[in-house]
Protein backbone atom coordinates (compact mmCIF):
# COMPACT_ATOMS: atom_id res chain seq x y z
CA MET A 1 -0.49 27.69 17.28
CA ARG A 2 2.03 29.19 19.42
CA LEU A 3 4.00 32.31 18.48
CA LEU A 4 6.90 31.18 16.20
CA LYS A 5 10.38 32.51 16.51
CA SER A 6 10.79 34.79 13.49
CA ASP A 7 14.66 34.21 13.46
CA LYS A 8 14.16 30.42 13.50
CA GLU A 9 14.51 29.16 9.76
CA SER A 10 13.54 25.59 10.27
CA TYR A 11 11.92 23.18 12.62
CA SER A 12 12.38 19.55 13.37
CA GLU A 13 9.53 17.12 13.50
CA VAL A 14 9.52 17.11 17.24
CA GLU A 15 9.70 20.99 17.29
CA ALA A 16 6.94 21.27 14.75
CA ALA A 17 4.62 19.08 16.74
CA GLU A 18 5.43 20.94 19.84
CA VAL A 19 4.80 24.35 18.30
CA LEU A 20 1.45 23.10 16.71
CA GLY A 21 0.54 21.51 20.12
CA ILE A 22 -0.25 18.19 18.42
CA SER A 23 1.38 14.63 18.90
CA MET A 24 4.05 13.15 16.67
CA ASP A 25 1.51 10.53 15.79
CA ARG A 26 -1.04 13.27 14.71
CA LEU A 27 1.65 15.05 12.66
CA HIS A 28 2.62 11.91 10.93
CA LEU A 29 -1.10 11.23 10.19
CA LEU A 30 -1.51 14.59 8.82
CA LEU A 31 1.70 14.24 6.52
CA ASN A 32 0.43 10.84 5.29
CA GLU A 33 -2.96 12.12 4.53
CA ASN A 34 -1.81 15.30 2.67
CA VAL A 35 1.74 15.04 1.51
CA PHE A 36 2.96 11.40 1.28
CA ASN A 37 -0.37 10.03 -0.17
CA ASP A 38 0.89 8.98 -3.53
CA GLY A 39 2.80 5.95 -2.52
CA SER A 40 6.09 7.70 -1.81
CA PRO A 41 7.73 6.93 1.64
CA LYS A 42 8.18 9.66 4.15
CA PRO A 43 11.94 10.60 4.50
CA GLN A 44 13.69 9.67 7.69
CA GLN A 45 14.10 13.27 8.78
CA LEU A 46 11.92 16.13 7.78
CA SER A 47 12.37 19.80 8.66
CA PHE A 48 9.64 22.49 8.23
CA ARG A 49 9.45 26.28 7.66
CA THR A 50 7.08 28.45 9.22
CA THR A 51 4.83 28.28 6.16
CA ASP A 52 4.85 24.68 6.41
CA LEU A 53 3.59 24.79 9.96
CA ILE A 54 0.70 27.12 8.89
CA LEU A 55 -0.47 24.53 6.23
CA ILE A 56 -0.15 21.74 8.78
CA GLU A 57 -2.11 23.68 11.32
CA PHE A 58 -4.73 24.22 8.60
CA TRP A 59 -4.81 20.48 7.87
CA ASP A 60 -5.10 19.77 11.64
CA ARG A 61 -8.09 21.99 11.86
CA THR A 62 -10.04 20.88 8.77
CA LEU A 63 -9.24 17.14 8.70
CA ALA A 64 -12.64 16.10 10.01
CA ASP A 65 -14.47 19.15 8.64
CA ASN A 66 -16.98 18.37 5.82
CA LYS A 67 -17.44 22.18 4.95
CA VAL A 68 -13.80 22.40 3.52
CA VAL A 69 -13.18 21.01 0.07
CA ARG A 70 -10.18 19.09 0.18
CA MET A 71 -8.07 18.24 -2.74
CA PRO A 72 -8.26 14.54 -4.06
CA LYS A 73 -5.46 12.18 -3.20
CA ARG A 74 -2.76 11.78 -5.89
CA HIS A 75 -2.47 8.41 -7.42
């Protein structure tokens, strides 16, 4: 992940994807797999904090890693 501006409190979806170095499609996939997996729809506009980006980066790195135990999907 690129160095985040410490004075920035929130990031848009576009800014988050750019900072993380991933596509918008990848960002939406990660959110759908890890956040909006209980049938609830994704809101039209999202904003992220620095801590959110750290978690999303973790998900991006571990999505296909079988060595990481992932939490089951909520139903």
